[in-house]
PDB file of N, CA and C in Angstrom:
ATOM      1  N   UNK A   1     104.590 -65.632 -72.288  1.00  0.00           N
ATOM      2  CA  UNK A   1     104.115 -66.914 -72.223  1.00  0.00           C
ATOM      3  C   UNK A   1     105.484 -67.794 -72.216  1.00  0.00           C
ATOM      4  N   UNK A   2     105.318 -68.916 -71.655  1.00  0.00           N
ATOM      5  CA  UNK A   2     106.451 -69.907 -71.545  1.00  0.00           C
ATOM      6  C   UNK A   2     106.119 -71.150 -72.125  1.00  0.00           C
ATOM      7  N   UNK A   3     106.986 -72.068 -72.471  1.00  0.00           N
ATOM      8  CA  UNK A   3     106.633 -73.350 -72.916  1.00  0.00           C
ATOM      9  C   UNK A   3     105.960 -74.165 -71.806  1.00  0.00           C
ATOM     10  N   UNK A   4     105.040 -74.926 -72.239  1.00  0.00           N
ATOM     11  CA  UNK A   4     104.140 -75.626 -71.309  1.00  0.00           C
ATOM     12  C   UNK A   4     103.968 -76.963 -71.563  1.00  0.00           C
ATOM     13  N   UNK A   5     104.036 -77.885 -70.685  1.00  0.00           N
ATOM     14  CA  UNK A   5     103.753 -79.298 -70.794  1.00  0.00           C
ATOM     15  C   UNK A   5     104.512 -79.944 -71.959  1.00  0.00           C
ATOM     16  N   UNK A   6     103.855 -79.959 -73.032  1.00  0.00           N
ATOM     17  CA  UNK A   6     104.412 -80.620 -74.302  1.00  0.00           C
ATOM     18  C   UNK A   6     104.719 -79.468 -75.331  1.00  0.00           C
ATOM     19  N   UNK A   7     105.588 -79.593 -76.166  1.00  0.00           N
ATOM     20  CA  UNK A   7     105.965 -78.437 -77.172  1.00  0.00           C
ATOM     21  C   UNK A   7     104.964 -78.126 -78.013  1.00  0.00           C
ATOM     22  N   UNK A   8     104.005 -79.023 -78.387  1.00  0.00           N
ATOM     23  CA  UNK A   8     102.974 -78.800 -79.436  1.00  0.00           C
ATOM     24  C   UNK A   8     101.771 -79.430 -78.773  1.00  0.00           C
ATOM     25  N   UNK A   9     100.532 -78.821 -79.094  1.00  0.00           N
ATOM     26  CA  UNK A   9      99.330 -79.371 -78.563  1.00  0.00           C
ATOM     27  C   UNK A   9      98.923 -80.639 -79.399  1.00  0.00           C
ATOM     28  N   UNK A  10      98.466 -81.559 -78.814  1.00  0.00           N
ATOM     29  CA  UNK A  10      97.762 -82.651 -79.532  1.00  0.00           C
ATOM     30  C   UNK A  10      96.435 -82.943 -78.869  1.00  0.00           C
ATOM     31  N   UNK A  11      95.505 -83.783 -79.459  1.00  0.00           N
ATOM     32  CA  UNK A  11      94.208 -83.941 -79.183  1.00  0.00           C
ATOM     33  C   UNK A  11      94.332 -84.511 -77.754  1.00  0.00           C
ATOM     34  N   UNK A  12      93.235 -84.123 -76.923  1.00  0.00           N
ATOM     35  CA  UNK A  12      93.215 -84.735 -75.449  1.00  0.00           C
ATOM     36  C   UNK A  12      92.676 -86.181 -75.638  1.00  0.00           C
ATOM     37  N   UNK A  13      93.047 -87.202 -74.820  1.00  0.00           N
ATOM     38  CA  UNK A  13      92.687 -88.463 -74.871  1.00  0.00           C
ATOM     39  C   UNK A  13      91.156 -88.564 -74.516  1.00  0.00           C
ATOM     40  N   UNK A  14      90.549 -89.454 -75.211  1.00  0.00           N
ATOM     41  CA  UNK A  14      89.044 -89.765 -74.815  1.00  0.00           C
ATOM     42  C   UNK A  14      88.081 -88.809 -75.408  1.00  0.00           C
ATOM     43  N   UNK A  15      88.367 -87.656 -75.622  1.00  0.00           N
ATOM     44  CA  UNK A  15      87.426 -86.592 -75.950  1.00  0.00           C
ATOM     45  C   UNK A  15      87.528 -86.189 -77.510  1.00  0.00           C
ATOM     46  N   UNK A  16      88.765 -86.405 -78.079  1.00  0.00           N
ATOM     47  CA  UNK A  16      88.856 -86.072 -79.464  1.00  0.00           C
ATOM     48  C   UNK A  16      89.399 -84.663 -79.596  1.00  0.00           C
ATOM     49  N   UNK A  17      89.252 -83.777 -78.705  1.00  0.00           N
ATOM     50  CA  UNK A  17      89.765 -82.486 -78.779  1.00  0.00           C
ATOM     51  C   UNK A  17      89.795 -81.767 -77.313  1.00  0.00           C
ATOM     52  N   UNK A  18      90.592 -80.859 -77.120  1.00  0.00           N
ATOM     53  CA  UNK A  18      90.700 -80.307 -75.804  1.00  0.00           C
ATOM     54  C   UNK A  18      89.685 -79.120 -75.692  1.00  0.00           C
ATOM     55  N   UNK A  19      89.478 -78.798 -74.378  1.00  0.00           N
ATOM     56  CA  UNK A  19      88.645 -77.671 -74.108  1.00  0.00           C
ATOM     57  C   UNK A  19      89.576 -76.420 -74.181  1.00  0.00           C
ATOM     58  N   UNK A  20      89.142 -75.388 -74.913  1.00  0.00           N
ATOM     59  CA  UNK A  20      90.098 -74.141 -75.138  1.00  0.00           C
ATOM     60  C   UNK A  20      89.625 -73.017 -74.282  1.00  0.00           C
ATOM     61  N   UNK A  21      88.437 -72.987 -73.792  1.00  0.00           N
ATOM     62  CA  UNK A  21      87.930 -71.776 -72.968  1.00  0.00           C
ATOM     63  C   UNK A  21      87.935 -72.243 -71.506  1.00  0.00           C
ATOM     64  N   UNK A  22      88.299 -71.367 -70.651  1.00  0.00           N
ATOM     65  CA  UNK A  22      88.369 -71.522 -69.314  1.00  0.00           C
ATOM     66  C   UNK A  22      87.950 -70.239 -68.592  1.00  0.00           C
ATOM     67  N   UNK A  23      87.271 -70.498 -67.427  1.00  0.00           N
ATOM     68  CA  UNK A  23      86.771 -69.404 -66.710  1.00  0.00           C
ATOM     69  C   UNK A  23      87.873 -69.112 -65.592  1.00  0.00           C
ATOM     70  N   UNK A  24      88.513 -67.979 -65.609  1.00  0.00           N
ATOM     71  CA  UNK A  24      89.370 -67.535 -64.635  1.00  0.00           C
ATOM     72  C   UNK A  24      88.806 -66.851 -63.588  1.00  0.00           C
ATOM     73  N   UNK A  25      88.964 -67.248 -62.312  1.00  0.00           N
ATOM     74  CA  UNK A  25      88.276 -66.650 -61.134  1.00  0.00           C
ATOM     75  C   UNK A  25      89.484 -65.933 -60.271  1.00  0.00           C
ATOM     76  N   UNK A  26      89.470 -64.680 -60.107  1.00  0.00           N
ATOM     77  CA  UNK A  26      90.369 -64.004 -59.417  1.00  0.00           C
ATOM     78  C   UNK A  26      90.196 -64.315 -57.877  1.00  0.00           C
ATOM     79  N   UNK A  27      91.315 -64.703 -57.131  1.00  0.00           N
ATOM     80  CA  UNK A  27      91.253 -64.958 -55.740  1.00  0.00           C
ATOM     81  C   UNK A  27      91.141 -63.799 -54.907  1.00  0.00           C
ATOM     82  N   UNK A  28      91.406 -62.644 -55.484  1.00  0.00           N
ATOM     83  CA  UNK A  28      91.391 -61.376 -54.685  1.00  0.00           C
ATOM     84  C   UNK A  28      89.923 -60.692 -54.639  1.00  0.00           C
ATOM     85  N   UNK A  29      89.403 -60.709 -55.910  1.00  0.00           N
ATOM     86  CA  UNK A  29      87.968 -59.913 -55.942  1.00  0.00           C
ATOM     87  C   UNK A  29      86.832 -60.788 -56.389  1.00  0.00           C
ATOM     88  N   UNK A  30      87.209 -62.120 -56.800  1.00  0.00           N
ATOM     89  CA  UNK A  30      86.115 -63.058 -57.128  1.00  0.00           C
ATOM     90  C   UNK A  30      85.567 -62.798 -58.588  1.00  0.00           C
ATOM     91  N   UNK A  31      86.132 -61.866 -59.391  1.00  0.00           N
ATOM     92  CA  UNK A  31      85.729 -61.612 -60.784  1.00  0.00           C
ATOM     93  C   UNK A  31      85.966 -63.007 -61.616  1.00  0.00           C
ATOM     94  N   UNK A  32      85.055 -63.344 -62.382  1.00  0.00           N
ATOM     95  CA  UNK A  32      85.161 -64.439 -63.323  1.00  0.00           C
ATOM     96  C   UNK A  32      85.143 -63.958 -64.713  1.00  0.00           C
ATOM     97  N   UNK A  33      85.879 -64.542 -65.517  1.00  0.00           N
ATOM     98  CA  UNK A  33      85.996 -64.136 -67.021  1.00  0.00           C
ATOM     99  C   UNK A  33      86.410 -65.290 -67.815  1.00  0.00           C
ATOM    100  N   UNK A  34      85.662 -65.536 -68.758  1.00  0.00           N
ATOM    101  CA  UNK A  34      85.997 -66.553 -69.863  1.00  0.00           C
ATOM    102  C   UNK A  34      87.114 -66.146 -70.721  1.00  0.00           C
ATOM    103  N   UNK A  35      88.099 -66.901 -70.757  1.00  0.00           N
ATOM    104  CA  UNK A  35      89.253 -66.673 -71.636  1.00  0.00           C
ATOM    105  C   UNK A  35      89.628 -67.840 -72.550  1.00  0.00           C
ATOM    106  N   UNK A  36      90.062 -67.583 -73.697  1.00  0.00           N
ATOM    107  CA  UNK A  36      90.628 -68.618 -74.684  1.00  0.00           C
ATOM    108  C   UNK A  36      92.063 -68.871 -74.312  1.00  0.00           C
ATOM    109  N   UNK A  37      92.314 -70.135 -74.073  1.00  0.00           N
ATOM    110  CA  UNK A  37      93.682 -70.596 -73.675  1.00  0.00           C
ATOM    111  C   UNK A  37      94.637 -70.728 -74.953  1.00  0.00           C
ATOM    112  N   UNK A  38      95.938 -70.333 -74.862  1.00  0.00           N
ATOM    113  CA  UNK A  38      96.754 -70.679 -75.899  1.00  0.00           C
ATOM    114  C   UNK A  38      97.102 -72.216 -75.972  1.00  0.00           C
ATOM    115  N   UNK A  39      97.245 -72.722 -77.100  1.00  0.00           N
ATOM    116  CA  UNK A  39      97.358 -74.251 -77.189  1.00  0.00           C
ATOM    117  C   UNK A  39      98.820 -74.570 -77.256  1.00  0.00           C
ATOM    118  N   UNK A  40      99.771 -73.751 -77.481  1.00  0.00           N
ATOM    119  CA  UNK A  40     101.152 -74.020 -77.527  1.00  0.00           C
ATOM    120  C   UNK A  40     102.074 -73.336 -76.541  1.00  0.00           C
ATOM    121  N   UNK A  41     101.533 -72.785 -75.514  1.00  0.00           N
ATOM    122  CA  UNK A  41     102.409 -72.132 -74.557  1.00  0.00           C
ATOM    123  C   UNK A  41     101.563 -71.936 -73.281  1.00  0.00           C
ATOM    124  N   UNK A  42     102.222 -71.723 -72.082  1.00  0.00           N
ATOM    125  CA  UNK A  42     101.556 -71.437 -70.958  1.00  0.00           C
ATOM    126  C   UNK A  42     101.463 -69.903 -70.591  1.00  0.00           C
ATOM    127  N   UNK A  43     100.350 -69.523 -70.098  1.00  0.00           N
ATOM    128  CA  UNK A  43     100.260 -68.066 -69.862  1.00  0.00           C
ATOM    129  C   UNK A  43     100.674 -67.924 -68.336  1.00  0.00           C
ATOM    130  N   UNK A  44     101.757 -67.312 -68.032  1.00  0.00           N
ATOM    131  CA  UNK A  44     102.220 -67.146 -66.727  1.00  0.00           C
ATOM    132  C   UNK A  44     101.874 -65.873 -66.040  1.00  0.00           C
ATOM    133  N   UNK A  45     101.219 -64.980 -66.783  1.00  0.00           N
ATOM    134  CA  UNK A  45     100.745 -63.696 -66.171  1.00  0.00           C
ATOM    135  C   UNK A  45      99.394 -63.344 -66.747  1.00  0.00           C
ATOM    136  N   UNK A  46      98.472 -63.082 -65.824  1.00  0.00           N
ATOM    137  CA  UNK A  46      97.194 -62.545 -66.230  1.00  0.00           C
ATOM    138  C   UNK A  46      96.605 -61.457 -65.363  1.00  0.00           C
ATOM    139  N   UNK A  47      96.269 -60.400 -65.953  1.00  0.00           N
ATOM    140  CA  UNK A  47      95.851 -59.169 -65.163  1.00  0.00           C
ATOM    141  C   UNK A  47      94.281 -59.366 -64.984  1.00  0.00           C
ATOM    142  N   UNK A  48      93.872 -59.270 -63.752  1.00  0.00           N
ATOM    143  CA  UNK A  48      92.407 -59.355 -63.479  1.00  0.00           C
ATOM    144  C   UNK A  48      91.658 -58.170 -64.090  1.00  0.00           C
ATOM    145  N   UNK A  49      90.577 -58.421 -64.668  1.00  0.00           N
ATOM    146  CA  UNK A  49      89.848 -57.313 -65.341  1.00  0.00           C
ATOM    147  C   UNK A  49      88.967 -56.539 -64.313  1.00  0.00           C
ATOM    148  N   UNK A  50      88.847 -57.153 -63.048  1.00  0.00           N
ATOM    149  CA  UNK A  50      88.081 -56.612 -62.048  1.00  0.00           C
ATOM    150  C   UNK A  50      88.825 -55.541 -61.149  1.00  0.00           C
ATOM    151  N   UNK A  51      90.019 -56.149 -60.523  1.00  0.00           N
ATOM    152  CA  UNK A  51      90.694 -55.376 -59.593  1.00  0.00           C
ATOM    153  C   UNK A  51      92.116 -55.034 -60.154  1.00  0.00           C
ATOM    154  N   UNK A  52      92.593 -55.514 -61.213  1.00  0.00           N
ATOM    155  CA  UNK A  52      93.741 -55.210 -61.807  1.00  0.00           C
ATOM    156  C   UNK A  52      95.042 -55.879 -61.246  1.00  0.00           C
ATOM    157  N   UNK A  53      94.762 -56.825 -60.335  1.00  0.00           N
ATOM    158  CA  UNK A  53      95.784 -57.712 -59.839  1.00  0.00           C
ATOM    159  C   UNK A  53      96.510 -58.487 -60.840  1.00  0.00           C
ATOM    160  N   UNK A  54      97.804 -58.674 -60.879  1.00  0.00           N
ATOM    161  CA  UNK A  54      98.465 -59.552 -61.765  1.00  0.00           C
ATOM    162  C   UNK A  54      98.475 -61.076 -61.132  1.00  0.00           C
ATOM    163  N   UNK A  55      97.932 -61.938 -61.692  1.00  0.00           N
ATOM    164  CA  UNK A  55      97.913 -63.278 -61.203  1.00  0.00           C
ATOM    165  C   UNK A  55      98.998 -64.036 -61.877  1.00  0.00           C
ATOM    166  N   UNK A  56      99.755 -64.889 -61.027  1.00  0.00           N
ATOM    167  CA  UNK A  56     100.676 -65.771 -61.535  1.00  0.00           C
ATOM    168  C   UNK A  56     100.404 -67.103 -61.100  1.00  0.00           C
ATOM    169  N   UNK A  57     101.099 -68.183 -61.633  1.00  0.00           N
ATOM    170  CA  UNK A  57     100.647 -69.560 -61.387  1.00  0.00           C
ATOM    171  C   UNK A  57     101.044 -69.840 -59.884  1.00  0.00           C
ATOM    172  N   UNK A  58     100.284 -70.703 -59.217  1.00  0.00           N
ATOM    173  CA  UNK A  58     100.567 -71.112 -57.894  1.00  0.00           C
ATOM    174  C   UNK A  58     101.777 -72.121 -58.074  1.00  0.00           C
ATOM    175  N   UNK A  59     102.512 -72.349 -56.876  1.00  0.00           N
ATOM    176  CA  UNK A  59     103.623 -73.180 -57.004  1.00  0.00           C
ATOM    177  C   UNK A  59     103.202 -74.564 -57.401  1.00  0.00           C
ATOM    178  N   UNK A  60     103.969 -75.148 -58.383  1.00  0.00           N
ATOM    179  CA  UNK A  60     103.578 -76.453 -58.855  1.00  0.00           C
ATOM    180  C   UNK A  60     102.673 -76.379 -60.058  1.00  0.00           C
ATOM    181  N   UNK A  61     102.071 -75.368 -60.339  1.00  0.00           N
ATOM    182  CA  UNK A  61     101.285 -75.195 -61.520  1.00  0.00           C
ATOM    183  C   UNK A  61     102.073 -74.523 -62.738  1.00  0.00           C
ATOM    184  N   UNK A  62     101.782 -74.850 -63.928  1.00  0.00           N
ATOM    185  CA  UNK A  62     102.620 -74.431 -64.989  1.00  0.00           C
ATOM    186  C   UNK A  62     101.966 -72.966 -65.511  1.00  0.00           C
ATOM    187  N   UNK A  63     100.847 -72.715 -65.165  1.00  0.00           N
ATOM    188  CA  UNK A  63     100.120 -71.450 -65.721  1.00  0.00           C
ATOM    189  C   UNK A  63      98.998 -71.043 -65.004  1.00  0.00           C
ATOM    190  N   UNK A  64      98.509 -69.768 -65.297  1.00  0.00           N
ATOM    191  CA  UNK A  64      97.356 -69.242 -64.560  1.00  0.00           C
ATOM    192  C   UNK A  64      96.071 -70.009 -64.666  1.00  0.00           C
ATOM    193  N   UNK A  65      95.991 -70.654 -65.943  1.00  0.00           N
ATOM    194  CA  UNK A  65      94.779 -71.423 -66.076  1.00  0.00           C
ATOM    195  C   UNK A  65      94.720 -72.728 -65.260  1.00  0.00           C
ATOM    196  N   UNK A  66      95.963 -73.297 -65.017  1.00  0.00           N
ATOM    197  CA  UNK A  66      96.033 -74.448 -64.081  1.00  0.00           C
ATOM    198  C   UNK A  66      95.748 -74.078 -62.754  1.00  0.00           C
ATOM    199  N   UNK A  67      96.051 -72.855 -62.286  1.00  0.00           N
ATOM    200  CA  UNK A  67      95.887 -72.413 -61.000  1.00  0.00           C
ATOM    201  C   UNK A  67      94.552 -71.802 -60.669  1.00  0.00           C
ATOM    202  N   UNK A  68      93.953 -71.019 -61.719  1.00  0.00           N
ATOM    203  CA  UNK A  68      92.824 -70.170 -61.306  1.00  0.00           C
ATOM    204  C   UNK A  68      91.595 -70.489 -62.265  1.00  0.00           C
ATOM    205  N   UNK A  69      91.831 -71.343 -63.275  1.00  0.00           N
ATOM    206  CA  UNK A  69      90.843 -71.600 -64.317  1.00  0.00           C
ATOM    207  C   UNK A  69      89.872 -72.804 -63.966  1.00  0.00           C
ATOM    208  N   UNK A  70      88.735 -72.828 -64.661  1.00  0.00           N
ATOM    209  CA  UNK A  70      87.850 -73.804 -64.467  1.00  0.00           C
ATOM    210  C   UNK A  70      88.350 -75.080 -65.209  1.00  0.00           C
ATOM    211  N   UNK A  71      89.291 -74.959 -66.180  1.00  0.00           N
ATOM    212  CA  UNK A  71      89.916 -76.042 -66.922  1.00  0.00           C
ATOM    213  C   UNK A  71      91.367 -75.935 -67.005  1.00  0.00           C
ATOM    214  N   UNK A  72      92.085 -76.993 -66.870  1.00  0.00           N
ATOM    215  CA  UNK A  72      93.503 -76.921 -67.012  1.00  0.00           C
ATOM    216  C   UNK A  72      93.900 -76.629 -68.445  1.00  0.00           C
ATOM    217  N   UNK A  73      95.154 -76.125 -68.690  1.00  0.00           N
ATOM    218  CA  UNK A  73      95.515 -75.699 -69.991  1.00  0.00           C
ATOM    219  C   UNK A  73      95.630 -76.904 -70.970  1.00  0.00           C
ATOM    220  N   UNK A  74      95.576 -76.650 -72.373  1.00  0.00           N
ATOM    221  CA  UNK A  74      95.524 -77.716 -73.252  1.00  0.00           C
ATOM    222  C   UNK A  74      96.694 -78.677 -73.114  1.00  0.00           C
ATOM    223  N   UNK A  75      98.013 -78.282 -73.016  1.00  0.00           N
ATOM    224  CA  UNK A  75      99.050 -79.173 -72.731  1.00  0.00           C
ATOM    225  C   UNK A  75      98.835 -80.058 -71.604  1.00  0.00           C
ATOM    226  N   UNK A  76      98.321 -79.603 -70.495  1.00  0.00           N
ATOM    227  CA  UNK A  76      98.148 -80.460 -69.369  1.00  0.00           C
ATOM    228  C   UNK A  76      96.848 -81.354 -69.548  1.00  0.00           C
ATOM    229  N   UNK A  77      95.993 -81.024 -70.364  1.00  0.00           N
ATOM    230  CA  UNK A  77      94.776 -81.877 -70.606  1.00  0.00           C
ATOM    231  C   UNK A  77      95.231 -83.182 -71.317  1.00  0.00           C
ATOM    232  N   UNK A  78      96.369 -83.178 -72.090  1.00  0.00           N
ATOM    233  CA  UNK A  78      96.850 -84.305 -72.665  1.00  0.00           C
ATOM    234  C   UNK A  78      97.701 -85.301 -71.845  1.00  0.00           C
ATOM    235  N   UNK A  79      98.159 -84.597 -70.634  1.00  0.00           N
ATOM    236  CA  UNK A  79      99.082 -85.349 -69.854  1.00  0.00           C
ATOM    237  C   UNK A  79      98.363 -86.103 -68.799  1.00  0.00           C
TER     238      UNK A  79
END
């Protein structure tokens, strides 16, 4: 994992807390899986549990949750 957004997670504006679970959808096989996101770092590699493909962030995204998740990562939720 790499540093992401801000160095430490703070509460998301307006909601009082960030969403920590995100559903990652594999663009190769369509497998969906709910995963807990780290609050203090970006996850730059995710192995699909369906087809085994290693997912990496799309250009311009900080992590796999921002690219393939139903919810952006906690540091990006506060930005």
